[in-house]
Amino acid sequence: MAGIKDVAAEAGVSVATVSRVLNSHPSVSEEARARVLAAVEALGYRPNAVARSLRTAQTRTLGLVISDVLNPYFTELARFVEEEARALGYSVIIGNADERPELQDHHIRTLIDRRIDGLLVSPADGGSPLLREVALSGTPMVFADRWIPGIDVPVVRADGTGAVKDLVAHLHRLGHRRLAIIAGPAATTTGNERVEAFRDAMRELGLALPDAHIGQAHFQAASGRRATERFLALPEPPEVVFAADNLMALGALDAIRAHGLRVPDDIALAAFDDIPWFVHTDPPITAIAQPTADLARAAVRALADRIEGRTPQSVTLPARLVVRRSCGGAATDQRSDR
């Protein structure tokens, strides 16, 4: 089995440089960092977790980096993460990435410098080399909600495919045929997954999703409003707008009302990520609810297992459709999963 000296020799750097790279220290040049990571992969080197624990005392602190603290979904996720961590004897330090990869990486470096025991991350995009470095360094890490393909850490997430299929079937039964989606960033797994689930569900019912009915947005309200403005400017606007998260749904509702249109009489609206105040809008908004509390608890338990040397499996939980009155017809469930 390769050791740290073998990695240093392969990369042509000192053992100290290898150590700094593996601990995500910022004082290493990008060129040296790349050589070390290439050597780590080539030699199959993995840090000895037992030896690490002998050298470093646990702080009983977890780091949580969420995509956007203003998003009610992530606010609730953070609440339940903190609650479960406290029950297991951990404190939590939270970093808000604001959907910006560079801010996400800043928080991750800061948390590692503070010697946290492990990281929970909902990645702002799929291209962060730092997260790959953290995984290779042996720092216990779990992805929550979003993930990055190719990074070998447990993922705890909700699968909305079945719920999206239920939503499209519900819209079809109500007579809607021209459906549009406000999609999240293509660089995120959830952004891609929700568009593909929507497209596939429509295809099964013989419906097409033209490019003009896909609004690329950024999981924030302003981008949802802009995408809806473009839909409403089409010669034949869609009959339904499905926003792939709650903030974009809020932006869509603003745009619809600014045009003097009524939901659902003039245009229907649905959202991914149910939140408590959706029952208080007029009309209440049909939404796909994620099991936020269960997801947060499972993520914290998986991270605690990693810290304690166990090998937790990834966890996938089902989302569900909550039908209210924003798409027409009668509501069947006013509650969310919260």
C-alpha atoms as a PDB file:
ATOM      1  CA  MET A   1       0.000   0.000   0.000  1.00  0.00           C
ATOM      2  CA  ALA A   2       1.381   3.410  -0.997  1.00  0.00           C
ATOM      3  CA  GLY A   3       2.352   5.835   1.749  1.00  0.00           C
ATOM      4  CA  ILE A   4       2.642   9.596   1.891  1.00  0.00           C
ATOM      5  CA  LYS A   5       6.370   9.408   1.019  1.00  0.00           C
ATOM      6  CA  ASP A   6       5.503   7.472  -2.162  1.00  0.00           C
ATOM      7  CA  VAL A   7       3.019  10.194  -3.135  1.00  0.00           C
ATOM      8  CA  ALA A   8       5.646  12.886  -2.521  1.00  0.00           C
ATOM      9  CA  ALA A   9       8.202  11.026  -4.685  1.00  0.00           C
ATOM     10  CA  GLU A  10       5.682  10.450  -7.488  1.00  0.00           C
ATOM     11  CA  ALA A  11       4.644  14.120  -7.482  1.00  0.00           C
ATOM     12  CA  GLY A  12       8.194  15.456  -7.064  1.00  0.00           C
ATOM     13  CA  VAL A  13       7.309  17.494  -3.978  1.00  0.00           C
ATOM     14  CA  SER A  14       8.018  17.329  -0.252  1.00  0.00           C
ATOM     15  CA  VAL A  15       6.017  15.274   2.226  1.00  0.00           C
ATOM     16  CA  ALA A  16       4.953  18.558   3.837  1.00  0.00           C
ATOM     17  CA  THR A  17       3.484  19.738   0.529  1.00  0.00           C
ATOM     18  CA  VAL A  18       1.534  16.483   0.166  1.00  0.00           C
ATOM     19  CA  SER A  19       0.218  16.937   3.704  1.00  0.00           C
ATOM     20  CA  ARG A  20      -0.880  20.511   2.965  1.00  0.00           C
ATOM     21  CA  VAL A  21      -2.713  19.416  -0.204  1.00  0.00           C
ATOM     22  CA  LEU A  22      -4.460  16.560   1.607  1.00  0.00           C
ATOM     23  CA  ASN A  23      -5.584  18.972   4.311  1.00  0.00           C
ATOM     24  CA  SER A  24      -6.847  21.501   1.723  1.00  0.00           C
ATOM     25  CA  HIS A  25      -4.385  24.148   2.882  1.00  0.00           C
ATOM     26  CA  PRO A  26      -4.525  27.278   0.656  1.00  0.00           C
ATOM     27  CA  SER A  27      -0.743  27.894   0.601  1.00  0.00           C
ATOM     28  CA  VAL A  28      -0.013  25.370  -2.174  1.00  0.00           C
ATOM     29  CA  SER A  29       0.321  26.395  -5.825  1.00  0.00           C
ATOM     30  CA  GLU A  30      -2.274  25.063  -8.241  1.00  0.00           C
ATOM     31  CA  GLU A  31       0.450  23.319 -10.244  1.00  0.00           C
ATOM     32  CA  ALA A  32       1.806  21.465  -7.170  1.00  0.00           C
ATOM     33  CA  ARG A  33      -1.727  20.678  -5.992  1.00  0.00           C
ATOM     34  CA  ALA A  34      -2.555  19.123  -9.364  1.00  0.00           C
ATOM     35  CA  ARG A  35       0.615  16.981  -9.308  1.00  0.00           C
ATOM     36  CA  VAL A  36      -0.105  15.715  -5.806  1.00  0.00           C
ATOM     37  CA  LEU A  37      -3.734  14.847  -6.592  1.00  0.00           C
ATOM     38  CA  ALA A  38      -2.643  13.054  -9.771  1.00  0.00           C
ATOM     39  CA  ALA A  39      -0.129  11.030  -7.738  1.00  0.00           C
ATOM     40  CA  VAL A  40      -2.763  10.228  -5.091  1.00  0.00           C
ATOM     41  CA  GLU A  41      -5.081   8.834  -7.761  1.00  0.00           C
ATOM     42  CA  ALA A  42      -2.319   7.002  -9.659  1.00  0.00           C
ATOM     43  CA  LEU A  43      -1.030   5.262  -6.522  1.00  0.00           C
ATOM     44  CA  GLY A  44      -4.458   4.705  -4.952  1.00  0.00           C
ATOM     45  CA  TYR A  45      -3.246   6.393  -1.760  1.00  0.00           C
ATOM     46  CA  ARG A  46      -5.750   6.822   1.053  1.00  0.00           C
ATOM     47  CA  PRO A  47      -4.895   8.512   4.363  1.00  0.00           C
ATOM     48  CA  ASN A  48      -4.949   6.285   7.427  1.00  0.00           C
ATOM     49  CA  ALA A  49      -8.013   7.393   9.354  1.00  0.00           C
ATOM     50  CA  VAL A  50      -6.865   5.682  12.566  1.00  0.00           C
ATOM     51  CA  ALA A  51      -3.505   7.459  12.479  1.00  0.00           C
ATOM     52  CA  ARG A  52      -5.269  10.756  11.804  1.00  0.00           C
ATOM     53  CA  SER A  53      -7.459  10.309  14.873  1.00  0.00           C
ATOM     54  CA  LEU A  54      -4.406   9.694  17.044  1.00  0.00           C
ATOM     55  CA  ARG A  55      -2.805  12.927  15.827  1.00  0.00           C
ATOM     56  CA  THR A  56      -5.871  15.158  15.995  1.00  0.00           C
ATOM     57  CA  ALA A  57      -8.433  15.525  18.771  1.00  0.00           C
ATOM     58  CA  GLN A  58     -12.091  15.649  17.740  1.00  0.00           C
ATOM     59  CA  THR A  59     -13.808  18.986  18.118  1.00  0.00           C
ATOM     60  CA  ARG A  60     -17.370  17.560  18.134  1.00  0.00           C
ATOM     61  CA  THR A  61     -18.149  20.168  15.478  1.00  0.00           C
ATOM     62  CA  LEU A  62     -19.664  19.639  12.027  1.00  0.00           C
ATOM     63  CA  GLY A  63     -19.561  22.012   9.080  1.00  0.00           C
ATOM     64  CA  LEU A  64     -22.694  22.541   6.977  1.00  0.00           C
ATOM     65  CA  VAL A  65     -22.391  24.396   3.674  1.00  0.00           C
ATOM     66  CA  ILE A  66     -25.800  25.052   2.108  1.00  0.00           C
ATOM     67  CA  SER A  67     -26.566  26.510  -1.293  1.00  0.00           C
ATOM     68  CA  ASP A  68     -28.740  29.461  -0.247  1.00  0.00           C
ATOM     69  CA  VAL A  69     -29.804  30.338   3.295  1.00  0.00           C
ATOM     70  CA  LEU A  70     -32.612  32.539   1.912  1.00  0.00           C
ATOM     71  CA  ASN A  71     -34.224  29.475   0.332  1.00  0.00           C
ATOM     72  CA  PRO A  72     -36.794  28.199   2.861  1.00  0.00           C
ATOM     73  CA  TYR A  73     -36.001  24.596   1.909  1.00  0.00           C
ATOM     74  CA  PHE A  74     -32.345  24.972   2.921  1.00  0.00           C
ATOM     75  CA  THR A  75     -33.296  26.971   6.014  1.00  0.00           C
ATOM     76  CA  GLU A  76     -35.411  24.032   7.175  1.00  0.00           C
ATOM     77  CA  LEU A  77     -32.711  21.555   6.198  1.00  0.00           C
ATOM     78  CA  ALA A  78     -30.209  23.476   8.351  1.00  0.00           C
ATOM     79  CA  ARG A  79     -32.646  23.523  11.267  1.00  0.00           C
ATOM     80  CA  PHE A  80     -33.103  19.746  11.220  1.00  0.00           C
ATOM     81  CA  VAL A  81     -29.370  19.134  10.682  1.00  0.00           C
ATOM     82  CA  GLU A  82     -28.593  21.206  13.785  1.00  0.00           C
ATOM     83  CA  GLU A  83     -31.297  19.396  15.757  1.00  0.00           C
ATOM     84  CA  GLU A  84     -30.001  15.910  14.876  1.00  0.00           C
ATOM     85  CA  ALA A  85     -26.360  16.909  15.353  1.00  0.00           C
ATOM     86  CA  ARG A  86     -27.135  18.261  18.825  1.00  0.00           C
ATOM     87  CA  ALA A  87     -28.830  14.977  19.713  1.00  0.00           C
ATOM     88  CA  LEU A  88     -25.614  13.161  18.728  1.00  0.00           C
ATOM     89  CA  GLY A  89     -23.408  15.545  20.723  1.00  0.00           C
ATOM     90  CA  TYR A  90     -22.179  17.761  17.890  1.00  0.00           C
ATOM     91  CA  SER A  91     -22.357  21.505  17.258  1.00  0.00           C
ATOM     92  CA  VAL A  92     -22.813  22.855  13.720  1.00  0.00           C
ATOM     93  CA  ILE A  93     -21.134  25.770  11.928  1.00  0.00           C
ATOM     94  CA  ILE A  94     -23.119  26.902   8.874  1.00  0.00           C
ATOM     95  CA  GLY A  95     -21.769  28.510   5.710  1.00  0.00           C
ATOM     96  CA  ASN A  96     -24.082  30.057   3.083  1.00  0.00           C
ATOM     97  CA  ALA A  97     -22.800  29.652  -0.493  1.00  0.00           C
ATOM     98  CA  ASP A  98     -25.499  31.925  -1.977  1.00  0.00           C
ATOM     99  CA  GLU A  99     -25.406  29.651  -5.087  1.00  0.00           C
ATOM    100  CA  ARG A 100     -21.807  30.859  -5.722  1.00  0.00           C
ATOM    101  CA  PRO A 101     -19.113  28.153  -6.080  1.00  0.00           C
ATOM    102  CA  GLU A 102     -16.301  30.510  -5.034  1.00  0.00           C
ATOM    103  CA  LEU A 103     -18.138  31.411  -1.808  1.00  0.00           C
ATOM    104  CA  GLN A 104     -18.837  27.733  -1.178  1.00  0.00           C
ATOM    105  CA  ASP A 105     -15.103  26.964  -1.447  1.00  0.00           C
ATOM    106  CA  HIS A 106     -14.280  29.849   0.891  1.00  0.00           C
ATOM    107  CA  HIS A 107     -16.560  28.394   3.553  1.00  0.00           C
ATOM    108  CA  ILE A 108     -15.144  24.894   3.092  1.00  0.00           C
ATOM    109  CA  ARG A 109     -11.546  26.101   3.530  1.00  0.00           C
ATOM    110  CA  THR A 110     -12.545  28.111   6.600  1.00  0.00           C
ATOM    111  CA  LEU A 111     -14.350  25.163   8.180  1.00  0.00           C
ATOM    112  CA  ILE A 112     -11.410  22.829   7.581  1.00  0.00           C
ATOM    113  CA  ASP A 113      -9.063  25.398   9.131  1.00  0.00           C
ATOM    114  CA  ARG A 114     -11.326  25.336  12.197  1.00  0.00           C
ATOM    115  CA  ARG A 115     -10.706  21.588  12.458  1.00  0.00           C
ATOM    116  CA  ILE A 116     -14.285  20.441  12.117  1.00  0.00           C
ATOM    117  CA  ASP A 117     -14.804  16.681  12.435  1.00  0.00           C
ATOM    118  CA  GLY A 118     -16.792  16.379   9.197  1.00  0.00           C
ATOM    119  CA  LEU A 119     -18.568  18.250   6.389  1.00  0.00           C
ATOM    120  CA  LEU A 120     -22.142  18.219   5.121  1.00  0.00           C
ATOM    121  CA  VAL A 121     -22.355  19.947   1.737  1.00  0.00           C
ATOM    122  CA  SER A 122     -25.104  20.747  -0.743  1.00  0.00           C
ATOM    123  CA  PRO A 123     -22.881  21.710  -3.704  1.00  0.00           C
ATOM    124  CA  ALA A 124     -23.523  24.998  -5.482  1.00  0.00           C
ATOM    125  CA  ASP A 125     -22.355  23.406  -8.744  1.00  0.00           C
ATOM    126  CA  GLY A 126     -20.833  20.204 -10.076  1.00  0.00           C
ATOM    127  CA  GLY A 127     -17.355  21.430 -10.903  1.00  0.00           C
ATOM    128  CA  SER A 128     -15.651  22.217  -7.597  1.00  0.00           C
ATOM    129  CA  PRO A 129     -12.105  20.779  -7.569  1.00  0.00           C
ATOM    130  CA  LEU A 130     -11.867  21.627  -3.864  1.00  0.00           C
ATOM    131  CA  LEU A 131     -14.612  19.164  -2.945  1.00  0.00           C
ATOM    132  CA  ARG A 132     -12.768  16.465  -4.855  1.00  0.00           C
ATOM    133  CA  GLU A 133      -9.600  17.335  -2.909  1.00  0.00           C
ATOM    134  CA  VAL A 134     -11.462  17.201   0.407  1.00  0.00           C
ATOM    135  CA  ALA A 135     -12.824  13.755  -0.436  1.00  0.00           C
ATOM    136  CA  LEU A 136      -9.368  12.488  -1.414  1.00  0.00           C
ATOM    137  CA  SER A 137      -7.860  13.944   1.770  1.00  0.00           C
ATOM    138  CA  GLY A 138      -9.935  11.595   3.914  1.00  0.00           C
ATOM    139  CA  THR A 139     -11.971  14.354   5.584  1.00  0.00           C
ATOM    140  CA  PRO A 140     -15.360  12.794   6.464  1.00  0.00           C
ATOM    141  CA  MET A 141     -17.911  14.314   4.087  1.00  0.00           C
ATOM    142  CA  VAL A 142     -21.511  13.671   3.020  1.00  0.00           C
ATOM    143  CA  PHE A 143     -23.476  15.333   0.220  1.00  0.00           C
ATOM    144  CA  ALA A 144     -27.029  16.387   1.136  1.00  0.00           C
ATOM    145  CA  ASP A 145     -29.752  17.101  -1.464  1.00  0.00           C
ATOM    146  CA  ARG A 146     -27.290  17.771  -4.317  1.00  0.00           C
ATOM    147  CA  TRP A 147     -24.188  15.808  -5.181  1.00  0.00           C
ATOM    148  CA  ILE A 148     -21.248  15.713  -7.591  1.00  0.00           C
ATOM    149  CA  PRO A 149     -20.958  12.597  -9.769  1.00  0.00           C
ATOM    150  CA  GLY A 150     -17.557  10.937  -9.548  1.00  0.00           C
ATOM    151  CA  ILE A 151     -16.805  11.981  -5.956  1.00  0.00           C
ATOM    152  CA  ASP A 152     -16.965   8.895  -3.761  1.00  0.00           C
ATOM    153  CA  VAL A 153     -18.826  10.082  -0.669  1.00  0.00           C
ATOM    154  CA  PRO A 154     -22.293   9.122   0.626  1.00  0.00           C
ATOM    155  CA  VAL A 155     -25.209  11.068  -0.850  1.00  0.00           C
ATOM    156  CA  VAL A 156     -28.454  11.639   1.058  1.00  0.00           C
ATOM    157  CA  ARG A 157     -31.152  13.021  -1.190  1.00  0.00           C
ATOM    158  CA  ALA A 158     -34.792  12.909  -2.210  1.00  0.00           C
ATOM    159  CA  ASP A 159     -35.845  11.380  -5.529  1.00  0.00           C
ATOM    160  CA  GLY A 160     -38.539  13.517  -7.110  1.00  0.00           C
ATOM    161  CA  THR A 161     -38.956  11.444 -10.292  1.00  0.00           C
ATOM    162  CA  GLY A 162     -42.133   9.699  -9.174  1.00  0.00           C
ATOM    163  CA  ALA A 163     -43.645  12.888  -7.773  1.00  0.00           C
ATOM    164  CA  VAL A 164     -42.903  14.805 -10.997  1.00  0.00           C
ATOM    165  CA  LYS A 165     -44.593  12.006 -12.948  1.00  0.00           C
ATOM    166  CA  ASP A 166     -47.617  12.304 -10.634  1.00  0.00           C
ATOM    167  CA  LEU A 167     -47.677  16.068 -11.197  1.00  0.00           C
ATOM    168  CA  VAL A 168     -47.632  15.785 -14.994  1.00  0.00           C
ATOM    169  CA  ALA A 169     -50.379  13.144 -14.873  1.00  0.00           C
ATOM    170  CA  HIS A 170     -52.435  15.450 -12.632  1.00  0.00           C
ATOM    171  CA  LEU A 171     -51.988  18.356 -15.071  1.00  0.00           C
ATOM    172  CA  HIS A 172     -52.912  16.110 -17.989  1.00  0.00           C
ATOM    173  CA  ARG A 173     -56.126  14.990 -16.254  1.00  0.00           C
ATOM    174  CA  LEU A 174     -57.046  18.656 -15.775  1.00  0.00           C
ATOM    175  CA  GLY A 175     -56.755  19.168 -19.538  1.00  0.00           C
ATOM    176  CA  HIS A 176     -53.422  21.023 -19.619  1.00  0.00           C
ATOM    177  CA  ARG A 177     -51.217  20.245 -22.635  1.00  0.00           C
ATOM    178  CA  ARG A 178     -48.791  23.180 -22.994  1.00  0.00           C
ATOM    179  CA  LEU A 179     -46.475  22.791 -20.027  1.00  0.00           C
ATOM    180  CA  ALA A 180     -43.318  24.780 -19.249  1.00  0.00           C
ATOM    181  CA  ILE A 181     -40.592  24.375 -16.650  1.00  0.00           C
ATOM    182  CA  ILE A 182     -38.323  26.882 -14.933  1.00  0.00           C
ATOM    183  CA  ALA A 183     -35.166  24.818 -14.520  1.00  0.00           C
ATOM    184  CA  GLY A 184     -32.355  25.201 -12.039  1.00  0.00           C
ATOM    185  CA  PRO A 185     -28.710  25.588 -13.088  1.00  0.00           C
ATOM    186  CA  ALA A 186     -27.521  22.931 -15.534  1.00  0.00           C
ATOM    187  CA  ALA A 187     -24.335  22.605 -13.441  1.00  0.00           C
ATOM    188  CA  THR A 188     -26.320  21.135 -10.522  1.00  0.00           C
ATOM    189  CA  THR A 189     -27.582  17.573 -10.295  1.00  0.00           C
ATOM    190  CA  THR A 190     -31.004  18.676  -9.070  1.00  0.00           C
ATOM    191  CA  GLY A 191     -31.284  21.202 -11.909  1.00  0.00           C
ATOM    192  CA  ASN A 192     -30.721  18.496 -14.521  1.00  0.00           C
ATOM    193  CA  GLU A 193     -32.658  15.749 -12.776  1.00  0.00           C
ATOM    194  CA  ARG A 194     -35.896  17.737 -12.456  1.00  0.00           C
ATOM    195  CA  VAL A 195     -35.899  18.816 -16.112  1.00  0.00           C
ATOM    196  CA  GLU A 196     -35.303  15.260 -17.309  1.00  0.00           C
ATOM    197  CA  ALA A 197     -38.000  13.861 -15.017  1.00  0.00           C
ATOM    198  CA  PHE A 198     -40.459  16.474 -16.327  1.00  0.00           C
ATOM    199  CA  ARG A 199     -39.541  15.819 -19.970  1.00  0.00           C
ATOM    200  CA  ASP A 200     -39.790  12.031 -19.540  1.00  0.00           C
ATOM    201  CA  ALA A 201     -43.173  12.267 -17.790  1.00  0.00           C
ATOM    202  CA  MET A 202     -44.522  14.446 -20.603  1.00  0.00           C
ATOM    203  CA  ARG A 203     -43.141  12.104 -23.251  1.00  0.00           C
ATOM    204  CA  GLU A 204     -44.956   9.155 -21.664  1.00  0.00           C
ATOM    205  CA  LEU A 205     -48.221  11.037 -22.165  1.00  0.00           C
ATOM    206  CA  GLY A 206     -47.396  11.998 -25.747  1.00  0.00           C
ATOM    207  CA  LEU A 207     -46.580  15.621 -24.893  1.00  0.00           C
ATOM    208  CA  ALA A 208     -43.585  17.532 -26.214  1.00  0.00           C
ATOM    209  CA  LEU A 209     -41.433  19.953 -24.218  1.00  0.00           C
ATOM    210  CA  PRO A 210     -40.137  22.523 -26.731  1.00  0.00           C
ATOM    211  CA  ASP A 211     -36.952  24.443 -25.946  1.00  0.00           C
ATOM    212  CA  ALA A 212     -38.991  27.646 -25.654  1.00  0.00           C
ATOM    213  CA  HIS A 213     -40.816  26.067 -22.708  1.00  0.00           C
ATOM    214  CA  ILE A 214     -37.606  25.444 -20.732  1.00  0.00           C
ATOM    215  CA  GLY A 215     -36.519  28.523 -18.801  1.00  0.00           C
ATOM    216  CA  GLN A 216     -32.959  28.270 -17.508  1.00  0.00           C
ATOM    217  CA  ALA A 217     -32.745  29.958 -14.117  1.00  0.00           C
ATOM    218  CA  HIS A 218     -30.688  29.965 -10.907  1.00  0.00           C
ATOM    219  CA  PHE A 219     -32.837  28.673  -8.023  1.00  0.00           C
ATOM    220  CA  GLN A 220     -33.548  32.285  -7.017  1.00  0.00           C
ATOM    221  CA  ALA A 221     -36.705  34.405  -7.270  1.00  0.00           C
ATOM    222  CA  ALA A 222     -35.475  37.024  -9.758  1.00  0.00           C
ATOM    223  CA  SER A 223     -34.440  34.353 -12.253  1.00  0.00           C
ATOM    224  CA  GLY A 224     -37.852  32.697 -11.915  1.00  0.00           C
ATOM    225  CA  ARG A 225     -39.544  35.975 -12.713  1.00  0.00           C
ATOM    226  CA  ARG A 226     -37.368  36.541 -15.806  1.00  0.00           C
ATOM    227  CA  ALA A 227     -38.056  33.032 -17.115  1.00  0.00           C
ATOM    228  CA  THR A 228     -41.813  33.499 -16.659  1.00  0.00           C
ATOM    229  CA  GLU A 229     -41.694  36.871 -18.432  1.00  0.00           C
ATOM    230  CA  ARG A 230     -40.173  35.078 -21.433  1.00  0.00           C
ATOM    231  CA  PHE A 231     -42.892  32.408 -21.351  1.00  0.00           C
ATOM    232  CA  LEU A 232     -45.647  35.031 -21.239  1.00  0.00           C
ATOM    233  CA  ALA A 233     -44.127  36.857 -24.219  1.00  0.00           C
ATOM    234  CA  LEU A 234     -44.452  33.793 -26.472  1.00  0.00           C
ATOM    235  CA  PRO A 235     -47.089  33.920 -29.248  1.00  0.00           C
ATOM    236  CA  GLU A 236     -48.755  30.955 -27.529  1.00  0.00           C
ATOM    237  CA  PRO A 237     -47.793  31.001 -23.831  1.00  0.00           C
ATOM    238  CA  PRO A 238     -47.831  27.791 -21.798  1.00  0.00           C
ATOM    239  CA  GLU A 239     -50.897  26.793 -19.830  1.00  0.00           C
ATOM    240  CA  VAL A 240     -48.786  25.692 -16.850  1.00  0.00           C
ATOM    241  CA  VAL A 241     -45.516  26.895 -15.348  1.00  0.00           C
ATOM    242  CA  PHE A 242     -43.691  24.370 -13.170  1.00  0.00           C
ATOM    243  CA  ALA A 243     -40.907  26.008 -11.128  1.00  0.00           C
ATOM    244  CA  ALA A 244     -38.156  23.583 -10.110  1.00  0.00           C
ATOM    245  CA  ASP A 245     -37.803  25.210  -6.685  1.00  0.00           C
ATOM    246  CA  ASN A 246     -39.841  27.382  -4.326  1.00  0.00           C
ATOM    247  CA  LEU A 247     -38.019  30.704  -4.818  1.00  0.00           C
ATOM    248  CA  MET A 248     -38.376  30.479  -8.596  1.00  0.00           C
ATOM    249  CA  ALA A 249     -42.092  29.760  -8.053  1.00  0.00           C
ATOM    250  CA  LEU A 250     -42.342  32.998  -6.063  1.00  0.00           C
ATOM    251  CA  GLY A 251     -40.704  34.883  -8.933  1.00  0.00           C
ATOM    252  CA  ALA A 252     -43.076  33.231 -11.402  1.00  0.00           C
ATOM    253  CA  LEU A 253     -46.078  34.282  -9.314  1.00  0.00           C
ATOM    254  CA  ASP A 254     -44.801  37.872  -9.276  1.00  0.00           C
ATOM    255  CA  ALA A 255     -44.526  37.907 -13.080  1.00  0.00           C
ATOM    256  CA  ILE A 256     -47.972  36.386 -13.553  1.00  0.00           C
ATOM    257  CA  ARG A 257     -49.589  38.965 -11.287  1.00  0.00           C
ATOM    258  CA  ALA A 258     -47.633  41.825 -12.893  1.00  0.00           C
ATOM    259  CA  HIS A 259     -49.283  40.869 -16.199  1.00  0.00           C
ATOM    260  CA  GLY A 260     -52.732  41.042 -14.614  1.00  0.00           C
ATOM    261  CA  LEU A 261     -53.217  37.280 -14.933  1.00  0.00           C
ATOM    262  CA  ARG A 262     -54.891  35.003 -12.400  1.00  0.00           C
ATOM    263  CA  VAL A 263     -53.786  31.614 -11.103  1.00  0.00           C
ATOM    264  CA  PRO A 264     -55.195  29.152 -12.114  1.00  0.00           C
ATOM    265  CA  ASP A 265     -57.853  30.814 -14.317  1.00  0.00           C
ATOM    266  CA  ASP A 266     -55.378  32.256 -16.829  1.00  0.00           C
ATOM    267  CA  ILE A 267     -52.285  30.149 -16.146  1.00  0.00           C
ATOM    268  CA  ALA A 268     -51.525  27.322 -13.715  1.00  0.00           C
ATOM    269  CA  LEU A 269     -48.517  27.219 -11.388  1.00  0.00           C
ATOM    270  CA  ALA A 270     -46.760  24.382  -9.556  1.00  0.00           C
ATOM    271  CA  ALA A 271     -43.466  24.132  -7.684  1.00  0.00           C
ATOM    272  CA  PHE A 272     -40.799  21.725  -6.528  1.00  0.00           C
ATOM    273  CA  ASP A 273     -39.961  22.072  -2.795  1.00  0.00           C
ATOM    274  CA  ASP A 274     -43.089  22.554  -0.743  1.00  0.00           C
ATOM    275  CA  ILE A 275     -42.842  25.159   2.003  1.00  0.00           C
ATOM    276  CA  PRO A 276     -45.270  26.112   4.777  1.00  0.00           C
ATOM    277  CA  TRP A 277     -46.395  29.413   3.283  1.00  0.00           C
ATOM    278  CA  PHE A 278     -47.594  27.786   0.020  1.00  0.00           C
ATOM    279  CA  VAL A 279     -50.852  26.987   1.837  1.00  0.00           C
ATOM    280  CA  HIS A 280     -51.345  30.712   2.527  1.00  0.00           C
ATOM    281  CA  THR A 281     -51.057  32.025  -1.041  1.00  0.00           C
ATOM    282  CA  ASP A 282     -54.184  32.716  -3.070  1.00  0.00           C
ATOM    283  CA  PRO A 283     -54.698  30.139  -4.412  1.00  0.00           C
ATOM    284  CA  PRO A 284     -52.613  27.654  -2.387  1.00  0.00           C
ATOM    285  CA  ILE A 285     -49.804  26.288  -4.573  1.00  0.00           C
ATOM    286  CA  THR A 286     -49.536  22.695  -5.742  1.00  0.00           C
ATOM    287  CA  ALA A 287     -46.044  21.479  -4.898  1.00  0.00           C
ATOM    288  CA  ILE A 288     -43.703  18.528  -4.649  1.00  0.00           C
ATOM    289  CA  ALA A 289     -42.704  18.034  -1.015  1.00  0.00           C
ATOM    290  CA  GLN A 290     -39.331  16.655  -0.031  1.00  0.00           C
ATOM    291  CA  PRO A 291     -38.986  14.808   3.313  1.00  0.00           C
ATOM    292  CA  THR A 292     -36.679  17.524   4.642  1.00  0.00           C
ATOM    293  CA  ALA A 293     -36.527  16.399   8.259  1.00  0.00           C
ATOM    294  CA  ASP A 294     -35.829  12.757   7.382  1.00  0.00           C
ATOM    295  CA  LEU A 295     -33.231  13.795   4.820  1.00  0.00           C
ATOM    296  CA  ALA A 296     -31.398  16.016   7.304  1.00  0.00           C
ATOM    297  CA  ARG A 297     -31.399  13.364  10.021  1.00  0.00           C
ATOM    298  CA  ALA A 298     -30.141  10.674   7.659  1.00  0.00           C
ATOM    299  CA  ALA A 299     -27.363  12.978   6.413  1.00  0.00           C
ATOM    300  CA  VAL A 300     -26.137  13.752   9.940  1.00  0.00           C
ATOM    301  CA  ARG A 301     -26.200  10.071  10.916  1.00  0.00           C
ATOM    302  CA  ALA A 302     -24.243   9.149   7.773  1.00  0.00           C
ATOM    303  CA  LEU A 303     -21.640  11.805   8.565  1.00  0.00           C
ATOM    304  CA  ALA A 304     -21.362  10.639  12.176  1.00  0.00           C
ATOM    305  CA  ASP A 305     -20.781   7.110  10.888  1.00  0.00           C
ATOM    306  CA  ARG A 306     -17.991   8.367   8.612  1.00  0.00           C
ATOM    307  CA  ILE A 307     -16.354  10.235  11.492  1.00  0.00           C
ATOM    308  CA  GLU A 308     -16.456   7.118  13.645  1.00  0.00           C
ATOM    309  CA  GLY A 309     -14.837   4.967  10.957  1.00  0.00           C
ATOM    310  CA  ARG A 310     -17.916   3.169   9.622  1.00  0.00           C
ATOM    311  CA  THR A 311     -18.940   3.045   5.944  1.00  0.00           C
ATOM    312  CA  PRO A 312     -22.483   4.400   5.541  1.00  0.00           C
ATOM    313  CA  GLN A 313     -24.450   3.843   2.355  1.00  0.00           C
ATOM    314  CA  SER A 314     -26.105   6.552   0.299  1.00  0.00           C
ATOM    315  CA  VAL A 315     -29.773   7.163   1.106  1.00  0.00           C
ATOM    316  CA  THR A 316     -32.540   8.071  -1.343  1.00  0.00           C
ATOM    317  CA  LEU A 317     -35.933   9.124   0.022  1.00  0.00           C
ATOM    318  CA  PRO A 318     -39.131   9.601  -2.019  1.00  0.00           C
ATOM    319  CA  ALA A 319     -40.687  13.025  -2.576  1.00  0.00           C
ATOM    320  CA  ARG A 320     -44.455  13.340  -2.932  1.00  0.00           C
ATOM    321  CA  LEU A 321     -46.995  15.482  -4.747  1.00  0.00           C
ATOM    322  CA  VAL A 322     -49.196  17.804  -2.670  1.00  0.00           C
ATOM    323  CA  VAL A 323     -52.207  18.874  -4.772  1.00  0.00           C
ATOM    324  CA  ARG A 324     -53.745  22.251  -3.976  1.00  0.00           C
ATOM    325  CA  ARG A 325     -55.706  24.709  -6.169  1.00  0.00           C
ATOM    326  CA  SER A 326     -53.071  26.507  -8.253  1.00  0.00           C
ATOM    327  CA  CYS A 327     -53.489  24.187 -11.249  1.00  0.00           C
ATOM    328  CA  GLY A 328     -57.303  24.035 -11.211  1.00  0.00           C
ATOM    329  CA  GLY A 329     -59.530  21.322  -9.852  1.00  0.00           C
ATOM    330  CA  ALA A 330     -60.034  20.511  -6.179  1.00  0.00           C
ATOM    331  CA  ALA A 331     -57.248  20.317  -3.633  1.00  0.00           C
ATOM    332  CA  THR A 332     -56.610  16.857  -2.188  1.00  0.00           C
ATOM    333  CA  ASP A 333     -54.035  17.782   0.467  1.00  0.00           C
ATOM    334  CA  GLN A 334     -53.352  21.164   2.035  1.00  0.00           C
ATOM    335  CA  ARG A 335     -50.465  19.911   4.169  1.00  0.00           C
ATOM    336  CA  SER A 336     -46.770  19.661   3.469  1.00  0.00           C
ATOM    337  CA  ASP A 337     -44.401  17.043   4.916  1.00  0.00           C
ATOM    338  CA  ARG A 338     -43.280  19.462   7.619  1.00  0.00           C
END
